[in-house]
Amino acid sequence: YGTPLYHDAWGDVCRIVEWVCDNWDQADEGVWEVRGGRSHFTYSRLMCWVAVERAIRVARRRGLPGDIVRWLGARDAIYHQINERAWHPGRNAFVQHYDTDVLDASVLLMPLVKFVSPTDPRWLSTLDAIRDELVADSLVYRYNVEAAPDGVDGDEGTFSMCSFWYVEALARAGRLDEARLAFEKMLTYANHLGLYSEEIGPTGDLLGNFPQAFTHLALISAAYNLDQQLG
């Protein structure tokens, strides 16, 4: 877990985790900051689970103090809620939020953060659904804006960070040919300095924030994990 963790820093972590335990069940605007109103977004619940689960792991490995019993209860409650309410039997997939059947590329993080096994049948059917509905020539849209209006005007490009998440999810699932093809296609969309924008337009134009750090972090993670799987 990197450099040593100081007393004051761990105190800050504990306060954050306690806040998550108090507030994880609240609706919000999700990772994409939608303007269409608050919902119980799967991604937001997932990140709450990550915060609590990682704090438990650090505390146990380093013998640090914390309200572990409470944290375990919150972690397990979030886990069960996601599996019960974010799963849509009709779509055979995890969906954007609890009150919709719309897919969302942000759920690609589920196996990446080790919430679900990358070869779990429910996850594999989710991955297939995303491939069929949100992927265009290996590039990934965040969600279908017609099915899930977000209150933002204008057309939507594919989201570069999500495209690299897709590569990593494929690699972790053992679908290496698909992962390698998607990764190599994404490499062709970098500019002459190897940098990526937030989005890529239908004609390959670089759109949105440029360069976007999130995209490059996703690129590094996808490259590392694909290389590990390829041996």
C-alpha atoms as a PDB file:
ATOM      1  CA  TYR A   1       0.000   0.000   0.000  1.00  0.00           C
ATOM      2  CA  GLY A   2       2.815   2.413  -0.802  1.00  0.00           C
ATOM      3  CA  THR A   3       4.535   4.656   1.705  1.00  0.00           C
ATOM      4  CA  PRO A   4       3.999   4.398   5.472  1.00  0.00           C
ATOM      5  CA  LEU A   5       0.663   5.736   6.710  1.00  0.00           C
ATOM      6  CA  TYR A   6       0.964   8.364   9.416  1.00  0.00           C
ATOM      7  CA  HIS A   7      -1.316   8.641  12.441  1.00  0.00           C
ATOM      8  CA  ASP A   8      -3.038  11.826  11.270  1.00  0.00           C
ATOM      9  CA  ALA A   9      -3.566  10.461   7.770  1.00  0.00           C
ATOM     10  CA  TRP A  10      -5.200   7.305   9.120  1.00  0.00           C
ATOM     11  CA  GLY A  11      -7.454   9.466  11.268  1.00  0.00           C
ATOM     12  CA  ASP A  12      -8.567  11.256   8.106  1.00  0.00           C
ATOM     13  CA  VAL A  13      -9.258   7.910   6.425  1.00  0.00           C
ATOM     14  CA  CYS A  14     -11.346   6.769   9.381  1.00  0.00           C
ATOM     15  CA  ARG A  15     -13.422   9.946   9.286  1.00  0.00           C
ATOM     16  CA  ILE A  16     -14.059   9.468   5.575  1.00  0.00           C
ATOM     17  CA  VAL A  17     -15.094   5.845   6.061  1.00  0.00           C
ATOM     18  CA  GLU A  18     -17.408   6.796   8.912  1.00  0.00           C
ATOM     19  CA  TRP A  19     -19.020   9.387   6.648  1.00  0.00           C
ATOM     20  CA  VAL A  20     -19.492   6.737   3.952  1.00  0.00           C
ATOM     21  CA  CYS A  21     -21.089   4.398   6.499  1.00  0.00           C
ATOM     22  CA  ASP A  22     -23.552   7.172   7.385  1.00  0.00           C
ATOM     23  CA  ASN A  23     -24.355   8.276   3.836  1.00  0.00           C
ATOM     24  CA  TRP A  24     -23.823   5.451   1.337  1.00  0.00           C
ATOM     25  CA  ASP A  25     -27.554   4.852   0.865  1.00  0.00           C
ATOM     26  CA  GLN A  26     -28.252   8.378  -0.436  1.00  0.00           C
ATOM     27  CA  ALA A  27     -29.184   9.143  -4.041  1.00  0.00           C
ATOM     28  CA  ASP A  28     -26.855  11.347  -6.102  1.00  0.00           C
ATOM     29  CA  GLU A  29     -26.064  12.470  -9.659  1.00  0.00           C
ATOM     30  CA  GLY A  30     -23.597   9.650 -10.310  1.00  0.00           C
ATOM     31  CA  VAL A  31     -20.117   9.701 -11.787  1.00  0.00           C
ATOM     32  CA  TRP A  32     -21.336  11.490 -14.934  1.00  0.00           C
ATOM     33  CA  GLU A  33     -22.966  14.315 -12.937  1.00  0.00           C
ATOM     34  CA  VAL A  34     -26.258  13.988 -14.803  1.00  0.00           C
ATOM     35  CA  ARG A  35     -28.679  16.905 -14.821  1.00  0.00           C
ATOM     36  CA  GLY A  36     -31.766  14.699 -14.903  1.00  0.00           C
ATOM     37  CA  GLY A  37     -32.176  14.345 -11.150  1.00  0.00           C
ATOM     38  CA  ARG A  38     -30.765  12.147  -8.419  1.00  0.00           C
ATOM     39  CA  SER A  39     -30.918   8.356  -8.496  1.00  0.00           C
ATOM     40  CA  HIS A  40     -29.328   5.395  -6.750  1.00  0.00           C
ATOM     41  CA  PHE A  41     -26.486   4.936  -9.217  1.00  0.00           C
ATOM     42  CA  THR A  42     -24.660   1.617  -9.315  1.00  0.00           C
ATOM     43  CA  TYR A  43     -21.278   3.300  -9.733  1.00  0.00           C
ATOM     44  CA  SER A  44     -21.783   5.449  -6.639  1.00  0.00           C
ATOM     45  CA  ARG A  45     -22.690   2.427  -4.529  1.00  0.00           C
ATOM     46  CA  LEU A  46     -19.710   0.557  -5.950  1.00  0.00           C
ATOM     47  CA  MET A  47     -17.301   3.321  -4.946  1.00  0.00           C
ATOM     48  CA  CYS A  48     -18.779   3.377  -1.439  1.00  0.00           C
ATOM     49  CA  TRP A  49     -18.103  -0.356  -1.229  1.00  0.00           C
ATOM     50  CA  VAL A  50     -14.525   0.212  -2.425  1.00  0.00           C
ATOM     51  CA  ALA A  51     -13.903   2.906   0.197  1.00  0.00           C
ATOM     52  CA  VAL A  52     -15.059   0.732   3.085  1.00  0.00           C
ATOM     53  CA  GLU A  53     -13.544  -2.519   1.817  1.00  0.00           C
ATOM     54  CA  ARG A  54     -10.107  -0.994   1.238  1.00  0.00           C
ATOM     55  CA  ALA A  55     -10.108   0.659   4.655  1.00  0.00           C
ATOM     56  CA  ILE A  56     -10.873  -2.702   6.270  1.00  0.00           C
ATOM     57  CA  ARG A  57      -8.070  -4.313   4.303  1.00  0.00           C
ATOM     58  CA  VAL A  58      -5.519  -1.648   5.267  1.00  0.00           C
ATOM     59  CA  ALA A  59      -6.534  -1.741   8.939  1.00  0.00           C
ATOM     60  CA  ARG A  60      -6.151  -5.511   9.101  1.00  0.00           C
ATOM     61  CA  ARG A  61      -2.834  -5.636   7.271  1.00  0.00           C
ATOM     62  CA  ARG A  62      -1.268  -2.863   9.315  1.00  0.00           C
ATOM     63  CA  GLY A  63      -2.953  -3.453  12.648  1.00  0.00           C
ATOM     64  CA  LEU A  64      -4.559  -0.023  12.635  1.00  0.00           C
ATOM     65  CA  PRO A  65      -7.550   0.939  14.799  1.00  0.00           C
ATOM     66  CA  GLY A  66     -11.031   1.427  13.430  1.00  0.00           C
ATOM     67  CA  ASP A  67     -14.657   0.454  13.955  1.00  0.00           C
ATOM     68  CA  ILE A  68     -14.155  -2.732  11.959  1.00  0.00           C
ATOM     69  CA  VAL A  69     -17.434  -4.318  13.041  1.00  0.00           C
ATOM     70  CA  ARG A  70     -19.399  -1.327  11.761  1.00  0.00           C
ATOM     71  CA  TRP A  71     -17.346  -1.156   8.576  1.00  0.00           C
ATOM     72  CA  LEU A  72     -17.916  -4.841   7.876  1.00  0.00           C
ATOM     73  CA  GLY A  73     -21.648  -4.356   8.300  1.00  0.00           C
ATOM     74  CA  ALA A  74     -21.699  -1.431   5.863  1.00  0.00           C
ATOM     75  CA  ARG A  75     -19.518  -3.244   3.343  1.00  0.00           C
ATOM     76  CA  ASP A  76     -21.749  -6.305   3.342  1.00  0.00           C
ATOM     77  CA  ALA A  77     -24.945  -4.242   3.173  1.00  0.00           C
ATOM     78  CA  ILE A  78     -23.674  -2.364   0.123  1.00  0.00           C
ATOM     79  CA  TYR A  79     -22.560  -5.608  -1.516  1.00  0.00           C
ATOM     80  CA  HIS A  80     -25.941  -7.250  -1.093  1.00  0.00           C
ATOM     81  CA  GLN A  81     -27.856  -4.161  -2.183  1.00  0.00           C
ATOM     82  CA  ILE A  82     -25.893  -3.825  -5.418  1.00  0.00           C
ATOM     83  CA  ASN A  83     -26.371  -7.482  -6.273  1.00  0.00           C
ATOM     84  CA  GLU A  84     -30.082  -7.331  -5.518  1.00  0.00           C
ATOM     85  CA  ARG A  85     -31.067  -3.931  -6.906  1.00  0.00           C
ATOM     86  CA  ALA A  86     -28.520  -3.072  -9.613  1.00  0.00           C
ATOM     87  CA  TRP A  87     -29.046  -6.425 -11.312  1.00  0.00           C
ATOM     88  CA  HIS A  88     -31.826  -6.333 -13.913  1.00  0.00           C
ATOM     89  CA  PRO A  89     -33.152  -9.848 -14.652  1.00  0.00           C
ATOM     90  CA  GLY A  90     -34.842  -8.710 -17.846  1.00  0.00           C
ATOM     91  CA  ARG A  91     -31.601  -7.304 -19.248  1.00  0.00           C
ATOM     92  CA  ASN A  92     -29.496 -10.037 -17.667  1.00  0.00           C
ATOM     93  CA  ALA A  93     -27.066  -7.293 -16.710  1.00  0.00           C
ATOM     94  CA  PHE A  94     -26.058  -4.779 -14.070  1.00  0.00           C
ATOM     95  CA  VAL A  95     -27.602  -1.445 -15.035  1.00  0.00           C
ATOM     96  CA  GLN A  96     -27.013   2.272 -14.542  1.00  0.00           C
ATOM     97  CA  HIS A  97     -29.146   2.739 -11.444  1.00  0.00           C
ATOM     98  CA  TYR A  98     -31.785   0.902  -9.450  1.00  0.00           C
ATOM     99  CA  ASP A  99     -34.829   2.307 -11.264  1.00  0.00           C
ATOM    100  CA  THR A 100     -33.855   1.753 -14.887  1.00  0.00           C
ATOM    101  CA  ASP A 101     -32.978  -0.904 -17.435  1.00  0.00           C
ATOM    102  CA  VAL A 102     -30.368   1.322 -19.111  1.00  0.00           C
ATOM    103  CA  LEU A 103     -26.782   0.086 -19.400  1.00  0.00           C
ATOM    104  CA  ASP A 104     -23.851   2.225 -18.275  1.00  0.00           C
ATOM    105  CA  ALA A 105     -20.159   1.752 -19.034  1.00  0.00           C
ATOM    106  CA  SER A 106     -19.210   2.777 -15.494  1.00  0.00           C
ATOM    107  CA  VAL A 107     -20.170  -0.712 -14.292  1.00  0.00           C
ATOM    108  CA  LEU A 108     -17.109  -1.968 -16.210  1.00  0.00           C
ATOM    109  CA  LEU A 109     -15.236  -1.141 -13.010  1.00  0.00           C
ATOM    110  CA  MET A 110     -17.002  -3.913 -11.083  1.00  0.00           C
ATOM    111  CA  PRO A 111     -14.395  -6.616 -11.834  1.00  0.00           C
ATOM    112  CA  LEU A 112     -11.557  -4.094 -11.926  1.00  0.00           C
ATOM    113  CA  VAL A 113     -12.103  -3.174  -8.262  1.00  0.00           C
ATOM    114  CA  LYS A 114     -12.700  -6.840  -7.392  1.00  0.00           C
ATOM    115  CA  PHE A 115     -16.364  -6.435  -6.496  1.00  0.00           C
ATOM    116  CA  VAL A 116     -17.263  -9.304  -8.799  1.00  0.00           C
ATOM    117  CA  SER A 117     -15.255 -12.110 -10.361  1.00  0.00           C
ATOM    118  CA  PRO A 118     -14.301 -11.253 -13.968  1.00  0.00           C
ATOM    119  CA  THR A 119     -15.668 -14.647 -15.012  1.00  0.00           C
ATOM    120  CA  ASP A 120     -18.875 -14.607 -12.952  1.00  0.00           C
ATOM    121  CA  PRO A 121     -21.752 -15.578 -15.304  1.00  0.00           C
ATOM    122  CA  ARG A 122     -23.723 -12.487 -14.313  1.00  0.00           C
ATOM    123  CA  TRP A 123     -20.750 -10.297 -15.060  1.00  0.00           C
ATOM    124  CA  LEU A 124     -20.049 -11.974 -18.405  1.00  0.00           C
ATOM    125  CA  SER A 125     -23.637 -11.406 -19.506  1.00  0.00           C
ATOM    126  CA  THR A 126     -23.262  -7.754 -18.466  1.00  0.00           C
ATOM    127  CA  LEU A 127     -20.065  -7.484 -20.489  1.00  0.00           C
ATOM    128  CA  ASP A 128     -21.820  -8.960 -23.518  1.00  0.00           C
ATOM    129  CA  ALA A 129     -24.719  -6.536 -23.121  1.00  0.00           C
ATOM    130  CA  ILE A 130     -22.315  -3.590 -23.019  1.00  0.00           C
ATOM    131  CA  ARG A 131     -20.535  -4.917 -26.109  1.00  0.00           C
ATOM    132  CA  ASP A 132     -23.806  -5.234 -28.003  1.00  0.00           C
ATOM    133  CA  GLU A 133     -25.290  -1.885 -26.986  1.00  0.00           C
ATOM    134  CA  LEU A 134     -22.550   0.587 -26.070  1.00  0.00           C
ATOM    135  CA  VAL A 135     -19.532  -0.478 -28.133  1.00  0.00           C
ATOM    136  CA  ALA A 136     -18.925   0.812 -31.673  1.00  0.00           C
ATOM    137  CA  ASP A 137     -15.785  -0.501 -33.369  1.00  0.00           C
ATOM    138  CA  SER A 138     -14.151  -1.139 -29.967  1.00  0.00           C
ATOM    139  CA  LEU A 139     -14.973   2.382 -28.733  1.00  0.00           C
ATOM    140  CA  VAL A 140     -17.348   2.648 -25.787  1.00  0.00           C
ATOM    141  CA  TYR A 141     -20.179   5.098 -25.160  1.00  0.00           C
ATOM    142  CA  ARG A 142     -20.943   5.931 -21.525  1.00  0.00           C
ATOM    143  CA  TYR A 143     -24.654   5.172 -21.931  1.00  0.00           C
ATOM    144  CA  ASN A 144     -27.473   5.593 -24.430  1.00  0.00           C
ATOM    145  CA  VAL A 145     -28.441   9.254 -24.087  1.00  0.00           C
ATOM    146  CA  GLU A 146     -31.756   8.652 -25.834  1.00  0.00           C
ATOM    147  CA  ALA A 147     -32.738   5.937 -23.360  1.00  0.00           C
ATOM    148  CA  ALA A 148     -31.374   7.861 -20.366  1.00  0.00           C
ATOM    149  CA  PRO A 149     -31.650  11.625 -20.964  1.00  0.00           C
ATOM    150  CA  ASP A 150     -29.029  13.369 -18.837  1.00  0.00           C
ATOM    151  CA  GLY A 151     -30.169  16.964 -19.230  1.00  0.00           C
ATOM    152  CA  VAL A 152     -27.089  17.902 -21.273  1.00  0.00           C
ATOM    153  CA  ASP A 153     -27.518  19.228 -24.807  1.00  0.00           C
ATOM    154  CA  GLY A 154     -25.410  18.094 -27.752  1.00  0.00           C
ATOM    155  CA  ASP A 155     -24.188  14.858 -29.229  1.00  0.00           C
ATOM    156  CA  GLU A 156     -22.174  12.319 -27.264  1.00  0.00           C
ATOM    157  CA  GLY A 157     -18.848  10.895 -28.391  1.00  0.00           C
ATOM    158  CA  THR A 158     -17.354   7.643 -27.178  1.00  0.00           C
ATOM    159  CA  PHE A 159     -15.601   7.980 -23.826  1.00  0.00           C
ATOM    160  CA  SER A 160     -11.893   7.123 -23.960  1.00  0.00           C
ATOM    161  CA  MET A 161     -11.594   6.106 -20.315  1.00  0.00           C
ATOM    162  CA  CYS A 162     -14.507   3.676 -20.711  1.00  0.00           C
ATOM    163  CA  SER A 163     -12.889   2.180 -23.808  1.00  0.00           C
ATOM    164  CA  PHE A 164      -9.798   1.296 -21.779  1.00  0.00           C
ATOM    165  CA  TRP A 165     -11.958  -0.052 -18.947  1.00  0.00           C
ATOM    166  CA  TYR A 166     -13.569  -2.300 -21.562  1.00  0.00           C
ATOM    167  CA  VAL A 167     -10.149  -3.563 -22.667  1.00  0.00           C
ATOM    168  CA  GLU A 168      -9.212  -4.421 -19.100  1.00  0.00           C
ATOM    169  CA  ALA A 169     -12.541  -6.115 -18.371  1.00  0.00           C
ATOM    170  CA  LEU A 170     -12.085  -8.286 -21.471  1.00  0.00           C
ATOM    171  CA  ALA A 171      -8.511  -9.131 -20.476  1.00  0.00           C
ATOM    172  CA  ARG A 172      -9.489 -10.086 -16.932  1.00  0.00           C
ATOM    173  CA  ALA A 173     -12.270 -12.274 -18.344  1.00  0.00           C
ATOM    174  CA  GLY A 174      -9.710 -14.146 -20.441  1.00  0.00           C
ATOM    175  CA  ARG A 175     -11.089 -12.814 -23.732  1.00  0.00           C
ATOM    176  CA  LEU A 176      -7.629 -11.867 -24.891  1.00  0.00           C
ATOM    177  CA  ASP A 177      -8.189 -11.658 -28.645  1.00  0.00           C
ATOM    178  CA  GLU A 178     -11.035  -9.186 -28.131  1.00  0.00           C
ATOM    179  CA  ALA A 179      -9.035  -7.246 -25.549  1.00  0.00           C
ATOM    180  CA  ARG A 180      -5.962  -6.995 -27.731  1.00  0.00           C
ATOM    181  CA  LEU A 181      -7.951  -5.878 -30.773  1.00  0.00           C
ATOM    182  CA  ALA A 182      -9.791  -3.208 -28.781  1.00  0.00           C
ATOM    183  CA  PHE A 183      -6.544  -2.005 -27.198  1.00  0.00           C
ATOM    184  CA  GLU A 184      -4.692  -1.761 -30.503  1.00  0.00           C
ATOM    185  CA  LYS A 185      -7.589   0.149 -32.058  1.00  0.00           C
ATOM    186  CA  MET A 186      -7.587   2.615 -29.182  1.00  0.00           C
ATOM    187  CA  LEU A 187      -3.865   3.214 -29.663  1.00  0.00           C
ATOM    188  CA  THR A 188      -4.589   4.586 -33.140  1.00  0.00           C
ATOM    189  CA  TYR A 189      -6.677   7.421 -31.666  1.00  0.00           C
ATOM    190  CA  ALA A 190      -3.855   9.035 -29.691  1.00  0.00           C
ATOM    191  CA  ASN A 191      -2.351  12.209 -31.091  1.00  0.00           C
ATOM    192  CA  HIS A 192       1.256  12.535 -32.264  1.00  0.00           C
ATOM    193  CA  LEU A 193       2.398  12.823 -28.633  1.00  0.00           C
ATOM    194  CA  GLY A 194       0.475   9.733 -27.517  1.00  0.00           C
ATOM    195  CA  LEU A 195      -2.128  11.803 -25.664  1.00  0.00           C
ATOM    196  CA  TYR A 196      -5.877  11.215 -25.465  1.00  0.00           C
ATOM    197  CA  SER A 197      -8.887  13.442 -25.125  1.00  0.00           C
ATOM    198  CA  GLU A 198     -11.921  12.815 -22.963  1.00  0.00           C
ATOM    199  CA  GLU A 199     -14.044  11.667 -25.904  1.00  0.00           C
ATOM    200  CA  ILE A 200     -13.608  10.528 -29.497  1.00  0.00           C
ATOM    201  CA  GLY A 201     -16.073  11.588 -32.170  1.00  0.00           C
ATOM    202  CA  PRO A 202     -17.542   9.392 -34.930  1.00  0.00           C
ATOM    203  CA  THR A 203     -14.866  10.578 -37.378  1.00  0.00           C
ATOM    204  CA  GLY A 204     -12.010  10.150 -34.909  1.00  0.00           C
ATOM    205  CA  ASP A 205     -11.940  13.765 -33.746  1.00  0.00           C
ATOM    206  CA  LEU A 206     -10.577  14.338 -30.246  1.00  0.00           C
ATOM    207  CA  LEU A 207     -13.358  15.915 -28.173  1.00  0.00           C
ATOM    208  CA  GLY A 208     -13.726  17.347 -24.682  1.00  0.00           C
ATOM    209  CA  ASN A 209     -11.008  17.779 -22.066  1.00  0.00           C
ATOM    210  CA  PHE A 210      -7.520  17.378 -23.510  1.00  0.00           C
ATOM    211  CA  PRO A 211      -5.393  15.734 -22.382  1.00  0.00           C
ATOM    212  CA  GLN A 212      -7.470  13.895 -19.798  1.00  0.00           C
ATOM    213  CA  ALA A 213      -5.550  12.303 -16.928  1.00  0.00           C
ATOM    214  CA  PHE A 214      -8.291   9.758 -16.148  1.00  0.00           C
ATOM    215  CA  THR A 215      -7.967   8.349 -19.657  1.00  0.00           C
ATOM    216  CA  HIS A 216      -4.225   7.871 -19.341  1.00  0.00           C
ATOM    217  CA  LEU A 217      -4.568   6.159 -15.970  1.00  0.00           C
ATOM    218  CA  ALA A 218      -7.085   3.775 -17.549  1.00  0.00           C
ATOM    219  CA  LEU A 219      -4.676   3.218 -20.454  1.00  0.00           C
ATOM    220  CA  ILE A 220      -1.835   2.279 -18.093  1.00  0.00           C
ATOM    221  CA  SER A 221      -4.036  -0.107 -16.106  1.00  0.00           C
ATOM    222  CA  ALA A 222      -5.419  -1.734 -19.261  1.00  0.00           C
ATOM    223  CA  ALA A 223      -1.946  -2.135 -20.768  1.00  0.00           C
ATOM    224  CA  TYR A 224      -0.528  -3.631 -17.574  1.00  0.00           C
ATOM    225  CA  ASN A 225      -3.351  -6.109 -17.061  1.00  0.00           C
ATOM    226  CA  LEU A 226      -3.496  -7.136 -20.714  1.00  0.00           C
ATOM    227  CA  ASP A 227       0.267  -7.751 -20.647  1.00  0.00           C
ATOM    228  CA  GLN A 228      -0.094  -9.831 -17.467  1.00  0.00           C
ATOM    229  CA  GLN A 229      -2.804 -11.968 -19.041  1.00  0.00           C
ATOM    230  CA  LEU A 230      -0.833 -12.444 -22.262  1.00  0.00           C
ATOM    231  CA  GLY A 231       2.141 -13.618 -20.192  1.00  0.00           C
END
